[in-house]
Amino acid sequence: MEKIITYEDFTKVDLRIGTIIEVKDFPNAHRPAYQLTIDFGDLGIKKSSAQITTQYQKEDLLNRQIVAVVNFPKKQIANFMSECLVVGAVKANDVYLLHPETKVKNGVVVS
């Protein structure tokens, strides 16, 4: 275990379900990545850069629901502004996206 946090720390993290509606290559990224456009329902559309090119093809990501942190500040990554952080499990430097078992409404809170 890395660090112990309080329950109040955890409640500050806003995890939501979103659907990937667009996937583009990101040739300007330092490491191979995609540019994702994600629909979070009432929260709107957000963009994210994700280093998931070794496990996922672009066509496999389109219309896939994912989990993301939506309350980080925007972050400039090369010539792209990332607005959320897609969440995944990391194994041997590969990222496996977390997602709901069944389709749910975009924007649903993950707790």
C-alpha atoms as a PDB file:
ATOM      1  CA  MET A   1       0.000   0.000   0.000  1.00  0.00           C
ATOM      2  CA  GLU A   2       1.413   3.369  -1.038  1.00  0.00           C
ATOM      3  CA  LYS A   3      -0.310   5.912   1.209  1.00  0.00           C
ATOM      4  CA  ILE A   4      -3.218   5.872   3.604  1.00  0.00           C
ATOM      5  CA  ILE A   5      -5.872   8.488   2.803  1.00  0.00           C
ATOM      6  CA  THR A   6      -8.967   9.489   4.680  1.00  0.00           C
ATOM      7  CA  TYR A   7     -12.504   8.907   3.502  1.00  0.00           C
ATOM      8  CA  GLU A   8     -12.764  12.687   3.068  1.00  0.00           C
ATOM      9  CA  ASP A   9      -9.771  12.553   0.682  1.00  0.00           C
ATOM     10  CA  PHE A  10     -11.540   9.900  -1.399  1.00  0.00           C
ATOM     11  CA  THR A  11     -14.779  11.897  -1.564  1.00  0.00           C
ATOM     12  CA  LYS A  12     -12.878  14.712  -3.309  1.00  0.00           C
ATOM     13  CA  VAL A  13     -12.248  12.445  -6.321  1.00  0.00           C
ATOM     14  CA  ASP A  14     -15.131  12.710  -8.806  1.00  0.00           C
ATOM     15  CA  LEU A  15     -15.219   9.410 -10.722  1.00  0.00           C
ATOM     16  CA  ARG A  16     -17.826   9.188 -13.493  1.00  0.00           C
ATOM     17  CA  ILE A  17     -18.922   6.866 -16.256  1.00  0.00           C
ATOM     18  CA  GLY A  18     -18.517   8.169 -19.791  1.00  0.00           C
ATOM     19  CA  THR A  19     -18.732   6.829 -23.334  1.00  0.00           C
ATOM     20  CA  ILE A  20     -15.866   7.293 -25.778  1.00  0.00           C
ATOM     21  CA  ILE A  21     -17.341   8.997 -28.844  1.00  0.00           C
ATOM     22  CA  GLU A  22     -14.152   9.765 -30.774  1.00  0.00           C
ATOM     23  CA  VAL A  23     -10.633   8.302 -30.878  1.00  0.00           C
ATOM     24  CA  LYS A  24      -7.687   9.887 -32.685  1.00  0.00           C
ATOM     25  CA  ASP A  25      -4.015   9.051 -32.935  1.00  0.00           C
ATOM     26  CA  PHE A  26      -1.792  11.415 -30.927  1.00  0.00           C
ATOM     27  CA  PRO A  27       1.487  11.617 -32.875  1.00  0.00           C
ATOM     28  CA  ASN A  28       2.790  14.572 -30.812  1.00  0.00           C
ATOM     29  CA  ALA A  29       2.624  12.664 -27.518  1.00  0.00           C
ATOM     30  CA  HIS A  30       5.938  11.748 -25.900  1.00  0.00           C
ATOM     31  CA  ARG A  31       4.796   8.094 -25.598  1.00  0.00           C
ATOM     32  CA  PRO A  32       2.235   6.400 -27.880  1.00  0.00           C
ATOM     33  CA  ALA A  33      -1.260   7.566 -26.960  1.00  0.00           C
ATOM     34  CA  TYR A  34      -4.737   8.265 -28.239  1.00  0.00           C
ATOM     35  CA  GLN A  35      -6.782  11.438 -27.960  1.00  0.00           C
ATOM     36  CA  LEU A  36     -10.194  10.457 -26.595  1.00  0.00           C
ATOM     37  CA  THR A  37     -13.406  12.473 -26.693  1.00  0.00           C
ATOM     38  CA  ILE A  38     -15.759  11.255 -23.963  1.00  0.00           C
ATOM     39  CA  ASP A  39     -19.454  11.942 -23.369  1.00  0.00           C
ATOM     40  CA  PHE A  40     -20.265  12.362 -19.664  1.00  0.00           C
ATOM     41  CA  GLY A  41     -23.975  13.079 -20.132  1.00  0.00           C
ATOM     42  CA  ASP A  42     -25.090  16.144 -18.156  1.00  0.00           C
ATOM     43  CA  LEU A  43     -21.423  16.975 -17.389  1.00  0.00           C
ATOM     44  CA  GLY A  44     -20.789  17.396 -21.108  1.00  0.00           C
ATOM     45  CA  ILE A  45     -18.007  16.290 -23.409  1.00  0.00           C
ATOM     46  CA  LYS A  46     -14.416  16.065 -22.156  1.00  0.00           C
ATOM     47  CA  LYS A  47     -11.143  15.143 -23.823  1.00  0.00           C
ATOM     48  CA  SER A  48      -8.348  12.974 -22.494  1.00  0.00           C
ATOM     49  CA  SER A  49      -5.002  11.638 -23.623  1.00  0.00           C
ATOM     50  CA  ALA A  50      -4.540   7.950 -22.841  1.00  0.00           C
ATOM     51  CA  GLN A  51      -1.478   5.737 -23.245  1.00  0.00           C
ATOM     52  CA  ILE A  52      -3.502   2.651 -24.125  1.00  0.00           C
ATOM     53  CA  THR A  53      -2.283   1.903 -27.649  1.00  0.00           C
ATOM     54  CA  THR A  54      -0.691  -1.470 -26.774  1.00  0.00           C
ATOM     55  CA  GLN A  55      -3.953  -3.003 -25.523  1.00  0.00           C
ATOM     56  CA  TYR A  56      -6.628  -1.256 -27.597  1.00  0.00           C
ATOM     57  CA  GLN A  57      -7.226  -0.453 -31.245  1.00  0.00           C
ATOM     58  CA  LYS A  58      -9.111   2.760 -32.024  1.00  0.00           C
ATOM     59  CA  GLU A  59     -12.150   0.907 -33.337  1.00  0.00           C
ATOM     60  CA  ASP A  60     -12.363  -1.170 -30.118  1.00  0.00           C
ATOM     61  CA  LEU A  61     -12.584   1.992 -28.014  1.00  0.00           C
ATOM     62  CA  LEU A  62     -15.355   3.744 -29.911  1.00  0.00           C
ATOM     63  CA  ASN A  63     -18.665   3.634 -27.966  1.00  0.00           C
ATOM     64  CA  ARG A  64     -16.972   1.903 -25.015  1.00  0.00           C
ATOM     65  CA  GLN A  65     -17.956   3.050 -21.533  1.00  0.00           C
ATOM     66  CA  ILE A  66     -15.083   3.906 -19.205  1.00  0.00           C
ATOM     67  CA  VAL A  67     -14.406   5.304 -15.725  1.00  0.00           C
ATOM     68  CA  ALA A  68     -12.657   8.670 -15.447  1.00  0.00           C
ATOM     69  CA  VAL A  69     -11.733  11.303 -12.891  1.00  0.00           C
ATOM     70  CA  VAL A  70     -13.504  14.451 -14.070  1.00  0.00           C
ATOM     71  CA  ASN A  71     -12.459  17.017 -11.456  1.00  0.00           C
ATOM     72  CA  PHE A  72      -8.735  17.363 -12.156  1.00  0.00           C
ATOM     73  CA  PRO A  73      -7.562  20.682 -13.571  1.00  0.00           C
ATOM     74  CA  LYS A  74      -6.932  20.713 -17.318  1.00  0.00           C
ATOM     75  CA  LYS A  75      -3.438  19.569 -18.299  1.00  0.00           C
ATOM     76  CA  GLN A  76      -1.490  20.493 -21.427  1.00  0.00           C
ATOM     77  CA  ILE A  77       0.009  17.397 -23.059  1.00  0.00           C
ATOM     78  CA  ALA A  78       2.041  18.399 -26.126  1.00  0.00           C
ATOM     79  CA  ASN A  79      -0.439  20.329 -28.304  1.00  0.00           C
ATOM     80  CA  PHE A  80      -3.522  18.823 -26.593  1.00  0.00           C
ATOM     81  CA  MET A  81      -5.513  19.895 -23.513  1.00  0.00           C
ATOM     82  CA  SER A  82      -6.547  16.901 -21.382  1.00  0.00           C
ATOM     83  CA  GLU A  83      -9.675  17.557 -19.294  1.00  0.00           C
ATOM     84  CA  CYS A  84     -10.099  14.264 -17.410  1.00  0.00           C
ATOM     85  CA  LEU A  85      -8.144  11.158 -16.440  1.00  0.00           C
ATOM     86  CA  VAL A  86      -9.300   7.782 -17.744  1.00  0.00           C
ATOM     87  CA  VAL A  87      -8.846   5.099 -15.057  1.00  0.00           C
ATOM     88  CA  GLY A  88      -7.317   1.685 -15.650  1.00  0.00           C
ATOM     89  CA  ALA A  89      -5.442  -1.159 -14.029  1.00  0.00           C
ATOM     90  CA  VAL A  90      -1.716  -1.265 -14.801  1.00  0.00           C
ATOM     91  CA  LYS A  91       0.086  -4.551 -15.377  1.00  0.00           C
ATOM     92  CA  ALA A  92       3.618  -4.658 -16.787  1.00  0.00           C
ATOM     93  CA  ASN A  93       3.256  -1.094 -18.162  1.00  0.00           C
ATOM     94  CA  ASP A  94       0.021  -1.964 -19.994  1.00  0.00           C
ATOM     95  CA  VAL A  95      -3.200  -0.195 -19.023  1.00  0.00           C
ATOM     96  CA  TYR A  96      -6.509  -2.078 -18.907  1.00  0.00           C
ATOM     97  CA  LEU A  97      -9.477   0.286 -18.798  1.00  0.00           C
ATOM     98  CA  LEU A  98     -12.018   0.030 -16.000  1.00  0.00           C
ATOM     99  CA  HIS A  99     -15.633  -0.058 -17.119  1.00  0.00           C
ATOM    100  CA  PRO A 100     -19.117  -0.955 -15.842  1.00  0.00           C
ATOM    101  CA  GLU A 101     -20.352  -4.530 -16.361  1.00  0.00           C
ATOM    102  CA  THR A 102     -23.553  -3.290 -17.956  1.00  0.00           C
ATOM    103  CA  LYS A 103     -24.361  -0.104 -19.864  1.00  0.00           C
ATOM    104  CA  VAL A 104     -25.285   2.770 -17.537  1.00  0.00           C
ATOM    105  CA  LYS A 105     -26.206   6.400 -18.077  1.00  0.00           C
ATOM    106  CA  ASN A 106     -23.255   8.635 -18.942  1.00  0.00           C
ATOM    107  CA  GLY A 107     -22.256  10.827 -16.024  1.00  0.00           C
ATOM    108  CA  VAL A 108     -23.209   8.312 -13.319  1.00  0.00           C
ATOM    109  CA  VAL A 109     -21.065   8.686 -10.196  1.00  0.00           C
ATOM    110  CA  VAL A 110     -18.675   5.856  -9.321  1.00  0.00           C
ATOM    111  CA  SER A 111     -18.326   5.381  -5.570  1.00  0.00           C
END
